[in-house]
Amino acid sequence: MPAREQFTEEEWRVVAAHRTPARVQRLLTALKYNREREGGTLRSFREVLRRGEAHCLEAALAAAVILEQHGYPPLLLSLESQDRLDHVVFVFRRRGLWGSVARSRDLGLHGRRPVFRSLRHLAYSYFEPYVDSTARITGYGLSSLYELGGYDWRFSPRNVWKVERHLQELPHKPLPSSERRYRRLLARYEEFHARHPDRSPDYFESKVTWMR
């Protein structure tokens, strides 16, 4: 874990002001979403703060750096999708229950309060909100960023593509779901999207567990 001296004064102010997953979630939700209009990026915590925007994996890295300083191990949960547009969230445990911190274009793919008995239950909480015209979660895998050894995923000024490759190579456990359920969710999404093409669905009963 890096010492305080390795952070800039502004970075440390952010770290000191966001001591809990809930506070970090509010920070990330307020950030502009990085749509990578000029090409793919995978920015470190330092670059996320400097640029004021992040996509899901960049946000997970930022959460890992901030919360590492407050005693949370840098754990990322990778959610595989059938369309290969995967989602990554930072995960943590409180009183034996799992929660997450995350950023997405979709409201339903942000963080979760620590109410889940297992990572499997946490991963399933993303299944319904993940369904759109192509997406469907098929598996999940957990990784500690410490597995990357001395690789600089915290402060590098360059894209940290090794993190993405590491998550892609990670063994994922299957997350099975019935075809009937998936088709029902897909039909509901398509009906909603036809009526509200610029809105993110928020009709899920599970949203009581969301952390925004």
N, C-alpha and C. Protein backbone atom coordinates (compact mmCIF):
# COMPACT_ATOMS: atom_id res chain seq x y z
N MET A 1 0.84 -1.19 0.00
CA MET A 1 0.00 0.00 0.00
C MET A 1 0.88 1.24 0.00
N PRO A 2 0.61 2.19 -0.88
CA PRO A 2 1.46 3.39 -0.95
C PRO A 2 1.32 4.26 0.29
N ALA A 3 2.40 4.96 0.61
CA ALA A 3 2.39 5.90 1.72
C ALA A 3 1.74 7.20 1.29
N ARG A 4 1.35 7.99 2.27
CA ARG A 4 0.69 9.28 1.98
C ARG A 4 1.54 10.16 1.07
N GLU A 5 2.86 10.07 1.23
CA GLU A 5 3.76 10.93 0.46
C GLU A 5 3.70 10.66 -1.04
N GLN A 6 3.17 9.52 -1.43
CA GLN A 6 3.09 9.20 -2.85
C GLN A 6 1.88 9.84 -3.54
N PHE A 7 0.97 10.38 -2.74
CA PHE A 7 -0.19 11.08 -3.27
C PHE A 7 0.10 12.58 -3.37
N THR A 8 -0.52 13.24 -4.33
CA THR A 8 -0.46 14.70 -4.34
C THR A 8 -1.38 15.23 -3.24
N GLU A 9 -1.27 16.50 -2.93
CA GLU A 9 -2.10 17.08 -1.88
C GLU A 9 -3.60 16.96 -2.23
N GLU A 10 -3.93 17.22 -3.49
CA GLU A 10 -5.32 17.13 -3.91
C GLU A 10 -5.82 15.69 -3.84
N GLU A 11 -4.99 14.75 -4.28
CA GLU A 11 -5.39 13.35 -4.21
C GLU A 11 -5.64 12.92 -2.77
N TRP A 12 -4.75 13.36 -1.87
CA TRP A 12 -4.91 12.96 -0.48
C TRP A 12 -6.16 13.58 0.15
N ARG A 13 -6.50 14.77 -0.25
CA ARG A 13 -7.75 15.37 0.25
C ARG A 13 -8.95 14.52 -0.15
N VAL A 14 -8.93 14.01 -1.38
CA VAL A 14 -10.01 13.13 -1.83
C VAL A 14 -10.02 11.85 -1.01
N VAL A 15 -8.85 11.25 -0.83
CA VAL A 15 -8.76 10.02 -0.04
C VAL A 15 -9.28 10.24 1.38
N ALA A 16 -8.84 11.31 2.01
CA ALA A 16 -9.21 11.57 3.41
C ALA A 16 -10.69 11.87 3.56
N ALA A 17 -11.31 12.44 2.54
CA ALA A 17 -12.72 12.83 2.63
C ALA A 17 -13.67 11.68 2.30
N HIS A 18 -13.14 10.58 1.82
CA HIS A 18 -14.01 9.47 1.38
C HIS A 18 -13.55 8.18 2.07
N ARG A 19 -13.97 8.04 3.31
CA ARG A 19 -13.50 6.96 4.16
C ARG A 19 -14.35 5.70 4.08
N THR A 20 -15.51 5.77 3.47
CA THR A 20 -16.41 4.62 3.42
C THR A 20 -16.80 4.30 1.98
N PRO A 21 -17.23 3.08 1.71
CA PRO A 21 -17.72 2.76 0.37
C PRO A 21 -18.87 3.66 -0.08
N ALA A 22 -19.76 4.01 0.83
CA ALA A 22 -20.90 4.87 0.46
C ALA A 22 -20.41 6.23 -0.03
N ARG A 23 -19.42 6.79 0.64
CA ARG A 23 -18.88 8.09 0.22
C ARG A 23 -18.16 7.99 -1.12
N VAL A 24 -17.43 6.90 -1.31
CA VAL A 24 -16.75 6.73 -2.59
C VAL A 24 -17.77 6.55 -3.71
N GLN A 25 -18.86 5.83 -3.43
CA GLN A 25 -19.90 5.67 -4.45
C GLN A 25 -20.46 7.02 -4.87
N ARG A 26 -20.71 7.90 -3.90
CA ARG A 26 -21.24 9.23 -4.25
C ARG A 26 -20.23 10.01 -5.09
N LEU A 27 -18.95 9.88 -4.76
CA LEU A 27 -17.91 10.54 -5.55
C LEU A 27 -17.93 10.05 -6.99
N LEU A 28 -17.99 8.74 -7.18
CA LEU A 28 -17.95 8.17 -8.53
C LEU A 28 -19.22 8.47 -9.31
N THR A 29 -20.35 8.44 -8.63
CA THR A 29 -21.62 8.75 -9.31
C THR A 29 -21.61 10.17 -9.85
N ALA A 30 -20.93 11.07 -9.13
CA ALA A 30 -20.88 12.47 -9.56
C ALA A 30 -19.90 12.70 -10.71
N LEU A 31 -19.01 11.75 -10.96
CA LEU A 31 -18.07 11.90 -12.05
C LEU A 31 -18.76 11.75 -13.40
N LYS A 32 -18.26 12.46 -14.37
CA LYS A 32 -18.71 12.27 -15.75
C LYS A 32 -18.34 10.87 -16.21
N TYR A 33 -19.24 10.23 -16.97
CA TYR A 33 -18.93 8.89 -17.47
C TYR A 33 -17.99 9.00 -18.67
N ASN A 34 -16.93 8.22 -18.66
CA ASN A 34 -15.95 8.23 -19.76
C ASN A 34 -16.46 7.35 -20.90
N ARG A 35 -16.92 7.96 -21.97
CA ARG A 35 -17.43 7.22 -23.12
C ARG A 35 -16.35 6.92 -24.16
N GLU A 36 -15.12 7.24 -23.85
CA GLU A 36 -13.97 6.90 -24.70
C GLU A 36 -14.17 7.35 -26.14
N ARG A 37 -14.59 8.58 -26.31
CA ARG A 37 -14.90 9.08 -27.66
C ARG A 37 -13.67 9.19 -28.55
N GLU A 38 -12.50 9.28 -27.95
CA GLU A 38 -11.27 9.39 -28.75
C GLU A 38 -10.46 8.10 -28.73
N GLY A 39 -11.11 7.01 -28.41
CA GLY A 39 -10.42 5.72 -28.36
C GLY A 39 -10.40 5.15 -26.96
N GLY A 40 -10.11 3.85 -26.86
CA GLY A 40 -10.16 3.16 -25.57
C GLY A 40 -9.16 3.70 -24.57
N THR A 41 -9.57 3.71 -23.31
CA THR A 41 -8.70 4.13 -22.22
C THR A 41 -8.85 3.16 -21.05
N LEU A 42 -7.82 3.11 -20.23
CA LEU A 42 -7.89 2.44 -18.93
C LEU A 42 -6.98 3.21 -17.99
N ARG A 43 -7.55 4.22 -17.38
CA ARG A 43 -6.78 5.17 -16.60
C ARG A 43 -6.65 4.76 -15.14
N SER A 44 -5.52 5.14 -14.56
CA SER A 44 -5.27 4.89 -13.15
C SER A 44 -6.08 5.87 -12.30
N PHE A 45 -6.05 5.64 -10.99
CA PHE A 45 -6.69 6.55 -10.04
C PHE A 45 -6.25 8.00 -10.27
N ARG A 46 -4.96 8.20 -10.43
CA ARG A 46 -4.43 9.56 -10.61
C ARG A 46 -5.02 10.23 -11.84
N GLU A 47 -5.11 9.49 -12.94
CA GLU A 47 -5.64 10.06 -14.18
C GLU A 47 -7.15 10.25 -14.11
N VAL A 48 -7.84 9.39 -13.40
CA VAL A 48 -9.29 9.56 -13.22
C VAL A 48 -9.57 10.88 -12.51
N LEU A 49 -8.85 11.14 -11.42
CA LEU A 49 -9.06 12.40 -10.70
C LEU A 49 -8.66 13.60 -11.54
N ARG A 50 -7.57 13.47 -12.25
CA ARG A 50 -7.09 14.60 -13.06
C ARG A 50 -8.07 14.97 -14.16
N ARG A 51 -8.70 13.96 -14.76
CA ARG A 51 -9.59 14.21 -15.89
C ARG A 51 -11.06 14.34 -15.48
N GLY A 52 -11.40 13.87 -14.30
CA GLY A 52 -12.76 14.02 -13.81
C GLY A 52 -13.80 13.16 -14.50
N GLU A 53 -13.38 12.00 -15.00
CA GLU A 53 -14.31 11.08 -15.64
C GLU A 53 -13.79 9.66 -15.52
N ALA A 54 -14.72 8.69 -15.63
CA ALA A 54 -14.31 7.30 -15.51
C ALA A 54 -15.37 6.38 -16.10
N HIS A 55 -14.92 5.27 -16.72
CA HIS A 55 -15.84 4.20 -17.05
C HIS A 55 -15.76 3.15 -15.94
N CYS A 56 -16.42 2.01 -16.11
CA CYS A 56 -16.60 1.09 -14.98
C CYS A 56 -15.29 0.60 -14.39
N LEU A 57 -14.35 0.15 -15.22
CA LEU A 57 -13.11 -0.38 -14.67
C LEU A 57 -12.24 0.73 -14.09
N GLU A 58 -12.22 1.88 -14.72
CA GLU A 58 -11.48 3.01 -14.16
C GLU A 58 -12.05 3.41 -12.79
N ALA A 59 -13.36 3.40 -12.68
CA ALA A 59 -14.00 3.73 -11.40
C ALA A 59 -13.66 2.70 -10.34
N ALA A 60 -13.65 1.42 -10.73
CA ALA A 60 -13.30 0.36 -9.78
C ALA A 60 -11.87 0.54 -9.28
N LEU A 61 -10.95 0.91 -10.17
CA LEU A 61 -9.57 1.15 -9.76
C LEU A 61 -9.48 2.34 -8.80
N ALA A 62 -10.21 3.41 -9.09
CA ALA A 62 -10.21 4.57 -8.22
C ALA A 62 -10.74 4.21 -6.83
N ALA A 63 -11.82 3.45 -6.80
CA ALA A 63 -12.38 3.01 -5.51
C ALA A 63 -11.36 2.18 -4.75
N ALA A 64 -10.66 1.30 -5.46
CA ALA A 64 -9.67 0.43 -4.81
C ALA A 64 -8.56 1.24 -4.16
N VAL A 65 -8.08 2.26 -4.85
CA VAL A 65 -6.99 3.08 -4.31
C VAL A 65 -7.46 3.86 -3.08
N ILE A 66 -8.63 4.48 -3.17
CA ILE A 66 -9.13 5.28 -2.05
C ILE A 66 -9.41 4.40 -0.83
N LEU A 67 -10.14 3.32 -1.03
CA LEU A 67 -10.56 2.51 0.11
C LEU A 67 -9.45 1.64 0.66
N GLU A 68 -8.43 1.36 -0.15
CA GLU A 68 -7.25 0.66 0.37
C GLU A 68 -6.65 1.43 1.53
N GLN A 69 -6.66 2.76 1.43
CA GLN A 69 -6.09 3.60 2.48
C GLN A 69 -6.93 3.58 3.76
N HIS A 70 -8.14 3.04 3.68
CA HIS A 70 -9.02 2.96 4.84
C HIS A 70 -9.27 1.52 5.28
N GLY A 71 -8.38 0.62 4.84
CA GLY A 71 -8.41 -0.73 5.35
C GLY A 71 -9.15 -1.76 4.51
N TYR A 72 -9.60 -1.39 3.33
CA TYR A 72 -10.30 -2.33 2.46
C TYR A 72 -9.33 -2.91 1.43
N PRO A 73 -9.26 -4.22 1.30
CA PRO A 73 -8.38 -4.80 0.27
C PRO A 73 -8.88 -4.48 -1.13
N PRO A 74 -7.97 -4.33 -2.09
CA PRO A 74 -8.36 -3.93 -3.46
C PRO A 74 -8.90 -5.12 -4.27
N LEU A 75 -10.17 -5.44 -4.05
CA LEU A 75 -10.82 -6.59 -4.68
C LEU A 75 -11.75 -6.12 -5.80
N LEU A 76 -11.62 -6.72 -6.96
CA LEU A 76 -12.48 -6.41 -8.09
C LEU A 76 -13.28 -7.65 -8.48
N LEU A 77 -14.55 -7.45 -8.78
CA LEU A 77 -15.42 -8.51 -9.26
C LEU A 77 -15.71 -8.26 -10.74
N SER A 78 -15.34 -9.23 -11.56
CA SER A 78 -15.58 -9.15 -13.00
C SER A 78 -16.86 -9.90 -13.33
N LEU A 79 -17.76 -9.25 -14.05
CA LEU A 79 -19.03 -9.85 -14.47
C LEU A 79 -18.99 -10.05 -15.97
N GLU A 80 -18.98 -11.29 -16.41
CA GLU A 80 -18.91 -11.61 -17.83
C GLU A 80 -20.30 -11.53 -18.47
N SER A 81 -20.33 -11.02 -19.70
CA SER A 81 -21.58 -10.92 -20.44
C SER A 81 -21.49 -11.70 -21.74
N GLN A 82 -22.63 -12.18 -22.21
CA GLN A 82 -22.64 -12.95 -23.45
C GLN A 82 -22.21 -12.11 -24.66
N ASP A 83 -22.34 -10.79 -24.57
CA ASP A 83 -21.93 -9.93 -25.68
C ASP A 83 -20.50 -9.40 -25.53
N ARG A 84 -19.78 -9.92 -24.51
CA ARG A 84 -18.39 -9.57 -24.23
C ARG A 84 -18.20 -8.13 -23.78
N LEU A 85 -19.29 -7.46 -23.43
CA LEU A 85 -19.21 -6.12 -22.84
C LEU A 85 -19.34 -6.30 -21.33
N ASP A 86 -18.23 -6.67 -20.70
CA ASP A 86 -18.24 -7.04 -19.29
C ASP A 86 -18.32 -5.80 -18.39
N HIS A 87 -18.64 -6.07 -17.12
CA HIS A 87 -18.74 -5.01 -16.12
C HIS A 87 -17.79 -5.38 -14.97
N VAL A 88 -17.16 -4.37 -14.36
CA VAL A 88 -16.25 -4.60 -13.25
C VAL A 88 -16.63 -3.68 -12.10
N VAL A 89 -16.68 -4.24 -10.89
CA VAL A 89 -17.02 -3.45 -9.70
C VAL A 89 -16.01 -3.72 -8.60
N PHE A 90 -15.83 -2.75 -7.73
CA PHE A 90 -15.03 -2.95 -6.52
C PHE A 90 -15.94 -3.59 -5.48
N VAL A 91 -15.43 -4.61 -4.78
CA VAL A 91 -16.26 -5.28 -3.78
C VAL A 91 -15.60 -5.21 -2.40
N PHE A 92 -16.43 -5.27 -1.38
CA PHE A 92 -15.96 -5.18 0.00
C PHE A 92 -16.89 -5.98 0.91
N ARG A 93 -16.39 -6.29 2.10
CA ARG A 93 -17.20 -7.00 3.09
C ARG A 93 -17.36 -6.15 4.33
N ARG A 94 -18.57 -6.20 4.90
CA ARG A 94 -18.84 -5.54 6.18
C ARG A 94 -19.72 -6.48 7.00
N ARG A 95 -19.23 -6.82 8.17
CA ARG A 95 -19.94 -7.76 9.06
C ARG A 95 -20.29 -9.06 8.33
N GLY A 96 -19.36 -9.51 7.50
CA GLY A 96 -19.53 -10.77 6.82
C GLY A 96 -20.39 -10.73 5.58
N LEU A 97 -20.90 -9.57 5.21
CA LEU A 97 -21.77 -9.43 4.04
C LEU A 97 -21.07 -8.62 2.95
N TRP A 98 -21.36 -8.96 1.70
CA TRP A 98 -20.70 -8.33 0.55
C TRP A 98 -21.50 -7.16 0.00
N GLY A 99 -20.76 -6.12 -0.40
CA GLY A 99 -21.33 -4.98 -1.11
C GLY A 99 -20.38 -4.57 -2.21
N SER A 100 -20.72 -3.53 -2.94
CA SER A 100 -19.88 -3.11 -4.06
C SER A 100 -19.95 -1.61 -4.27
N VAL A 101 -18.96 -1.11 -5.00
CA VAL A 101 -18.90 0.29 -5.46
C VAL A 101 -18.66 0.23 -6.95
N ALA A 102 -19.43 1.00 -7.72
CA ALA A 102 -19.32 0.87 -9.17
C ALA A 102 -19.83 2.11 -9.88
N ARG A 103 -19.42 2.25 -11.14
CA ARG A 103 -19.88 3.34 -12.01
C ARG A 103 -20.30 2.74 -13.34
N SER A 104 -21.40 3.24 -13.89
CA SER A 104 -21.90 2.76 -15.16
C SER A 104 -22.75 3.83 -15.81
N ARG A 105 -23.04 3.63 -17.09
CA ARG A 105 -24.03 4.48 -17.76
C ARG A 105 -25.43 4.15 -17.29
N ASP A 106 -25.62 2.97 -16.70
CA ASP A 106 -26.93 2.50 -16.27
C ASP A 106 -27.04 2.55 -14.75
N LEU A 107 -28.15 3.11 -14.26
CA LEU A 107 -28.35 3.25 -12.82
C LEU A 107 -28.24 1.93 -12.09
N GLY A 108 -28.78 0.88 -12.69
CA GLY A 108 -28.83 -0.41 -12.03
C GLY A 108 -27.51 -1.12 -11.89
N LEU A 109 -26.45 -0.57 -12.49
CA LEU A 109 -25.15 -1.22 -12.44
C LEU A 109 -24.16 -0.50 -11.54
N HIS A 110 -24.67 0.44 -10.73
CA HIS A 110 -23.81 1.09 -9.74
C HIS A 110 -23.64 0.16 -8.54
N GLY A 111 -23.22 0.70 -7.42
CA GLY A 111 -22.87 -0.12 -6.27
C GLY A 111 -24.05 -0.75 -5.56
N ARG A 112 -23.71 -1.63 -4.62
CA ARG A 112 -24.70 -2.33 -3.80
C ARG A 112 -24.35 -2.18 -2.32
N ARG A 113 -25.40 -2.03 -1.52
CA ARG A 113 -25.19 -2.00 -0.07
C ARG A 113 -24.71 -3.38 0.40
N PRO A 114 -23.95 -3.44 1.50
CA PRO A 114 -23.42 -4.74 1.97
C PRO A 114 -24.50 -5.58 2.64
N VAL A 115 -25.30 -6.26 1.83
CA VAL A 115 -26.40 -7.07 2.33
C VAL A 115 -26.39 -8.49 1.74
N PHE A 116 -25.34 -8.85 0.99
CA PHE A 116 -25.32 -10.11 0.26
C PHE A 116 -24.45 -11.15 0.97
N ARG A 117 -24.99 -12.35 1.15
CA ARG A 117 -24.31 -13.40 1.90
C ARG A 117 -23.10 -13.96 1.16
N SER A 118 -23.07 -13.84 -0.14
CA SER A 118 -21.97 -14.40 -0.92
C SER A 118 -21.74 -13.56 -2.16
N LEU A 119 -20.58 -13.75 -2.79
CA LEU A 119 -20.31 -13.07 -4.05
C LEU A 119 -21.29 -13.51 -5.13
N ARG A 120 -21.72 -14.75 -5.07
CA ARG A 120 -22.70 -15.25 -6.03
C ARG A 120 -24.01 -14.48 -5.93
N HIS A 121 -24.47 -14.25 -4.71
CA HIS A 121 -25.69 -13.46 -4.52
C HIS A 121 -25.50 -12.02 -5.01
N LEU A 122 -24.32 -11.47 -4.72
CA LEU A 122 -24.03 -10.11 -5.18
C LEU A 122 -24.03 -10.06 -6.70
N ALA A 123 -23.39 -11.02 -7.34
CA ALA A 123 -23.35 -11.05 -8.81
C ALA A 123 -24.75 -11.17 -9.38
N TYR A 124 -25.59 -12.01 -8.78
CA TYR A 124 -26.96 -12.17 -9.27
C TYR A 124 -27.78 -10.88 -9.15
N SER A 125 -27.40 -10.00 -8.21
CA SER A 125 -28.15 -8.74 -8.07
C SER A 125 -27.99 -7.85 -9.29
N TYR A 126 -26.96 -8.13 -10.11
CA TYR A 126 -26.73 -7.35 -11.32
C TYR A 126 -27.40 -7.98 -12.55
N PHE A 127 -27.95 -9.17 -12.40
CA PHE A 127 -28.44 -9.87 -13.58
C PHE A 127 -29.58 -9.13 -14.27
N GLU A 128 -30.62 -8.79 -13.54
CA GLU A 128 -31.77 -8.13 -14.18
C GLU A 128 -31.41 -6.78 -14.77
N PRO A 129 -30.74 -5.87 -14.02
CA PRO A 129 -30.41 -4.57 -14.61
C PRO A 129 -29.43 -4.65 -15.77
N TYR A 130 -28.72 -5.78 -15.90
CA TYR A 130 -27.72 -5.90 -16.96
C TYR A 130 -28.34 -6.21 -18.32
N VAL A 131 -29.53 -6.77 -18.30
CA VAL A 131 -30.14 -7.19 -19.56
C VAL A 131 -30.52 -5.97 -20.41
N ASP A 132 -29.97 -5.92 -21.62
CA ASP A 132 -30.45 -4.97 -22.62
C ASP A 132 -30.56 -5.72 -23.94
N SER A 133 -30.43 -5.05 -25.06
CA SER A 133 -30.67 -5.72 -26.34
C SER A 133 -29.66 -6.82 -26.65
N THR A 134 -28.47 -6.79 -26.00
CA THR A 134 -27.45 -7.82 -26.27
C THR A 134 -26.87 -8.46 -25.02
N ALA A 135 -26.97 -7.82 -23.88
CA ALA A 135 -26.22 -8.22 -22.70
C ALA A 135 -26.96 -9.24 -21.83
N ARG A 136 -26.17 -10.11 -21.21
CA ARG A 136 -26.69 -11.10 -20.27
C ARG A 136 -25.50 -11.63 -19.48
N ILE A 137 -25.52 -11.49 -18.17
CA ILE A 137 -24.41 -11.95 -17.35
C ILE A 137 -24.37 -13.48 -17.36
N THR A 138 -23.17 -14.00 -17.61
CA THR A 138 -22.99 -15.45 -17.68
C THR A 138 -22.02 -16.00 -16.64
N GLY A 139 -21.23 -15.13 -16.01
CA GLY A 139 -20.27 -15.61 -15.03
C GLY A 139 -19.65 -14.49 -14.23
N TYR A 140 -18.92 -14.86 -13.17
CA TYR A 140 -18.28 -13.85 -12.33
C TYR A 140 -16.95 -14.39 -11.81
N GLY A 141 -16.02 -13.47 -11.58
CA GLY A 141 -14.71 -13.86 -11.06
C GLY A 141 -14.16 -12.77 -10.15
N LEU A 142 -13.48 -13.18 -9.09
CA LEU A 142 -12.92 -12.25 -8.11
C LEU A 142 -11.41 -12.20 -8.23
N SER A 143 -10.86 -10.99 -8.13
CA SER A 143 -9.41 -10.83 -8.17
C SER A 143 -8.96 -9.75 -7.19
N SER A 144 -7.82 -9.99 -6.58
CA SER A 144 -7.15 -8.95 -5.81
C SER A 144 -6.13 -8.27 -6.71
N LEU A 145 -6.10 -6.97 -6.68
CA LEU A 145 -5.12 -6.25 -7.50
C LEU A 145 -3.70 -6.50 -7.02
N TYR A 146 -3.54 -7.02 -5.82
CA TYR A 146 -2.20 -7.38 -5.36
C TYR A 146 -1.61 -8.52 -6.19
N GLU A 147 -2.46 -9.26 -6.91
CA GLU A 147 -1.97 -10.32 -7.77
C GLU A 147 -1.12 -9.78 -8.92
N LEU A 148 -1.21 -8.47 -9.17
CA LEU A 148 -0.43 -7.85 -10.24
C LEU A 148 0.98 -7.48 -9.79
N GLY A 149 1.31 -7.79 -8.56
CA GLY A 149 2.66 -7.52 -8.07
C GLY A 149 2.99 -6.04 -8.06
N GLY A 150 4.14 -5.68 -8.63
CA GLY A 150 4.58 -4.28 -8.60
C GLY A 150 4.03 -3.42 -9.71
N TYR A 151 3.09 -3.94 -10.48
CA TYR A 151 2.52 -3.15 -11.59
C TYR A 151 1.80 -1.92 -11.05
N ASP A 152 2.01 -0.77 -11.67
CA ASP A 152 1.48 0.50 -11.16
C ASP A 152 0.07 0.77 -11.68
N TRP A 153 -0.94 0.23 -10.99
CA TRP A 153 -2.33 0.50 -11.35
C TRP A 153 -2.91 1.68 -10.59
N ARG A 154 -2.12 2.28 -9.73
CA ARG A 154 -2.61 3.40 -8.92
C ARG A 154 -2.30 4.77 -9.53
N PHE A 155 -1.07 4.97 -9.95
CA PHE A 155 -0.60 6.31 -10.31
C PHE A 155 -0.09 6.45 -11.74
N SER A 156 -0.08 5.40 -12.51
CA SER A 156 0.53 5.46 -13.84
C SER A 156 -0.11 6.53 -14.72
N PRO A 157 0.70 7.31 -15.46
CA PRO A 157 0.14 8.29 -16.40
C PRO A 157 -0.31 7.63 -17.70
N ARG A 158 0.02 6.35 -17.87
CA ARG A 158 -0.34 5.62 -19.08
C ARG A 158 -1.54 4.71 -18.82
N ASN A 159 -2.15 4.23 -19.88
CA ASN A 159 -3.23 3.26 -19.75
C ASN A 159 -2.70 1.98 -19.11
N VAL A 160 -3.45 1.45 -18.17
CA VAL A 160 -3.00 0.28 -17.40
C VAL A 160 -3.69 -0.98 -17.95
N TRP A 161 -3.38 -1.30 -19.20
CA TRP A 161 -4.06 -2.40 -19.89
C TRP A 161 -3.82 -3.75 -19.24
N LYS A 162 -2.75 -3.88 -18.49
CA LYS A 162 -2.47 -5.16 -17.85
C LYS A 162 -3.59 -5.56 -16.89
N VAL A 163 -4.24 -4.59 -16.29
CA VAL A 163 -5.37 -4.89 -15.39
C VAL A 163 -6.49 -5.55 -16.18
N GLU A 164 -6.83 -5.00 -17.33
CA GLU A 164 -7.89 -5.58 -18.15
C GLU A 164 -7.53 -6.99 -18.59
N ARG A 165 -6.30 -7.19 -19.03
CA ARG A 165 -5.89 -8.53 -19.47
C ARG A 165 -5.96 -9.53 -18.31
N HIS A 166 -5.55 -9.08 -17.14
CA HIS A 166 -5.61 -9.94 -15.96
C HIS A 166 -7.04 -10.38 -15.67
N LEU A 167 -7.98 -9.47 -15.75
CA LEU A 167 -9.38 -9.80 -15.48
C LEU A 167 -9.96 -10.70 -16.56
N GLN A 168 -9.54 -10.49 -17.79
CA GLN A 168 -10.02 -11.34 -18.88
C GLN A 168 -9.54 -12.78 -18.74
N GLU A 169 -8.34 -12.96 -18.19
CA GLU A 169 -7.77 -14.29 -18.03
C GLU A 169 -8.21 -14.96 -16.72
N LEU A 170 -8.90 -14.23 -15.89
CA LEU A 170 -9.33 -14.72 -14.58
C LEU A 170 -10.35 -15.85 -14.74
N PRO A 171 -10.23 -16.95 -13.97
CA PRO A 171 -11.28 -17.98 -14.01
C PRO A 171 -12.61 -17.40 -13.52
N HIS A 172 -13.66 -17.62 -14.27
CA HIS A 172 -14.99 -17.13 -13.91
C HIS A 172 -15.91 -18.31 -13.60
N LYS A 173 -16.67 -18.17 -12.54
CA LYS A 173 -17.66 -19.18 -12.20
C LYS A 173 -18.94 -18.91 -12.99
N PRO A 174 -19.58 -19.94 -13.49
CA PRO A 174 -20.82 -19.72 -14.26
C PRO A 174 -21.95 -19.19 -13.39
N LEU A 175 -22.76 -18.36 -13.98
CA LEU A 175 -23.93 -17.81 -13.31
C LEU A 175 -25.15 -18.19 -14.16
N PRO A 176 -25.67 -19.39 -13.99
CA PRO A 176 -26.75 -19.87 -14.87
C PRO A 176 -28.06 -19.13 -14.65
N SER A 177 -28.85 -19.05 -15.71
CA SER A 177 -30.17 -18.41 -15.63
C SER A 177 -31.07 -19.06 -16.67
N SER A 178 -32.36 -19.06 -16.39
CA SER A 178 -33.29 -19.73 -17.31
C SER A 178 -33.52 -18.87 -18.55
N GLU A 179 -33.70 -19.54 -19.68
CA GLU A 179 -33.99 -18.83 -20.92
C GLU A 179 -35.31 -18.11 -20.83
N ARG A 180 -36.26 -18.69 -20.16
CA ARG A 180 -37.58 -18.06 -20.02
C ARG A 180 -37.49 -16.74 -19.26
N ARG A 181 -36.73 -16.76 -18.17
CA ARG A 181 -36.57 -15.52 -17.40
C ARG A 181 -35.86 -14.46 -18.22
N TYR A 182 -34.78 -14.86 -18.91
CA TYR A 182 -34.04 -13.90 -19.72
C TYR A 182 -34.94 -13.28 -20.79
N ARG A 183 -35.75 -14.08 -21.48
CA ARG A 183 -36.62 -13.56 -22.52
C ARG A 183 -37.66 -12.59 -21.95
N ARG A 184 -38.13 -12.89 -20.76
CA ARG A 184 -39.09 -11.98 -20.12
C ARG A 184 -38.43 -10.64 -19.80
N LEU A 185 -37.21 -10.68 -19.26
CA LEU A 185 -36.48 -9.44 -18.93
C LEU A 185 -36.14 -8.66 -20.19
N LEU A 186 -35.75 -9.37 -21.24
CA LEU A 186 -35.42 -8.72 -22.50
C LEU A 186 -36.64 -8.01 -23.08
N ALA A 187 -37.80 -8.66 -23.05
CA ALA A 187 -39.03 -8.04 -23.57
C ALA A 187 -39.38 -6.80 -22.77
N ARG A 188 -39.22 -6.87 -21.46
CA ARG A 188 -39.52 -5.70 -20.63
C ARG A 188 -38.57 -4.56 -20.95
N TYR A 189 -37.27 -4.89 -21.12
CA TYR A 189 -36.31 -3.84 -21.47
C TYR A 189 -36.66 -3.21 -22.81
N GLU A 190 -36.95 -4.01 -23.81
CA GLU A 190 -37.23 -3.48 -25.15
C GLU A 190 -38.48 -2.61 -25.16
N GLU A 191 -39.47 -3.00 -24.39
CA GLU A 191 -40.68 -2.17 -24.30
C GLU A 191 -40.37 -0.84 -23.65
N PHE A 192 -39.59 -0.85 -22.55
CA PHE A 192 -39.22 0.38 -21.86
C PHE A 192 -38.37 1.26 -22.77
N HIS A 193 -37.38 0.66 -23.44
CA HIS A 193 -36.47 1.43 -24.29
C HIS A 193 -37.20 2.06 -25.48
N ALA A 194 -38.21 1.39 -25.99
CA ALA A 194 -38.99 1.96 -27.09
C ALA A 194 -39.73 3.22 -26.65
N ARG A 195 -40.18 3.23 -25.41
CA ARG A 195 -40.92 4.39 -24.89
C ARG A 195 -40.00 5.47 -24.33
N HIS A 196 -38.84 5.06 -23.81
CA HIS A 196 -37.91 6.01 -23.18
C HIS A 196 -36.49 5.74 -23.67
N PRO A 197 -36.18 6.07 -24.91
CA PRO A 197 -34.86 5.72 -25.47
C PRO A 197 -33.68 6.39 -24.79
N ASP A 198 -33.91 7.47 -24.06
CA ASP A 198 -32.80 8.19 -23.43
C ASP A 198 -32.74 7.98 -21.92
N ARG A 199 -33.51 7.05 -21.40
CA ARG A 199 -33.55 6.81 -19.96
C ARG A 199 -32.99 5.45 -19.61
N SER A 200 -32.39 5.37 -18.43
CA SER A 200 -31.91 4.09 -17.91
C SER A 200 -33.00 3.46 -17.07
N PRO A 201 -33.33 2.20 -17.28
CA PRO A 201 -34.41 1.56 -16.52
C PRO A 201 -34.15 1.60 -15.02
N ASP A 202 -35.21 1.87 -14.25
CA ASP A 202 -35.08 1.88 -12.79
C ASP A 202 -36.28 1.19 -12.14
N TYR A 203 -36.89 0.27 -12.88
CA TYR A 203 -38.12 -0.36 -12.42
C TYR A 203 -37.88 -1.64 -11.61
N PHE A 204 -36.67 -1.91 -11.21
CA PHE A 204 -36.32 -3.18 -10.58
C PHE A 204 -36.65 -3.17 -9.09
N GLU A 205 -37.22 -4.26 -8.60
CA GLU A 205 -37.51 -4.39 -7.18
C GLU A 205 -36.23 -4.40 -6.36
N SER A 206 -35.14 -4.87 -6.95
CA SER A 206 -33.88 -4.98 -6.22
C SER A 206 -33.22 -3.64 -5.95
N LYS A 207 -33.79 -2.55 -6.44
CA LYS A 207 -33.11 -1.26 -6.27
C LYS A 207 -33.05 -0.82 -4.81
N VAL A 208 -33.77 -1.49 -3.93
CA VAL A 208 -33.63 -1.18 -2.49
C VAL A 208 -32.23 -1.51 -2.00
N THR A 209 -31.50 -2.34 -2.75
CA THR A 209 -30.13 -2.69 -2.36
C THR A 209 -29.09 -1.83 -3.06
N TRP A 210 -29.51 -0.95 -3.95
CA TRP A 210 -28.55 -0.14 -4.70
C TRP A 210 -27.90 0.89 -3.79
N MET A 211 -26.64 1.19 -4.08
CA MET A 211 -25.93 2.26 -3.39
C MET A 211 -25.51 3.26 -4.46
N ARG A 212 -26.08 4.45 -4.43
CA ARG A 212 -25.82 5.41 -5.51
C ARG A 212 -24.98 6.58 -5.04
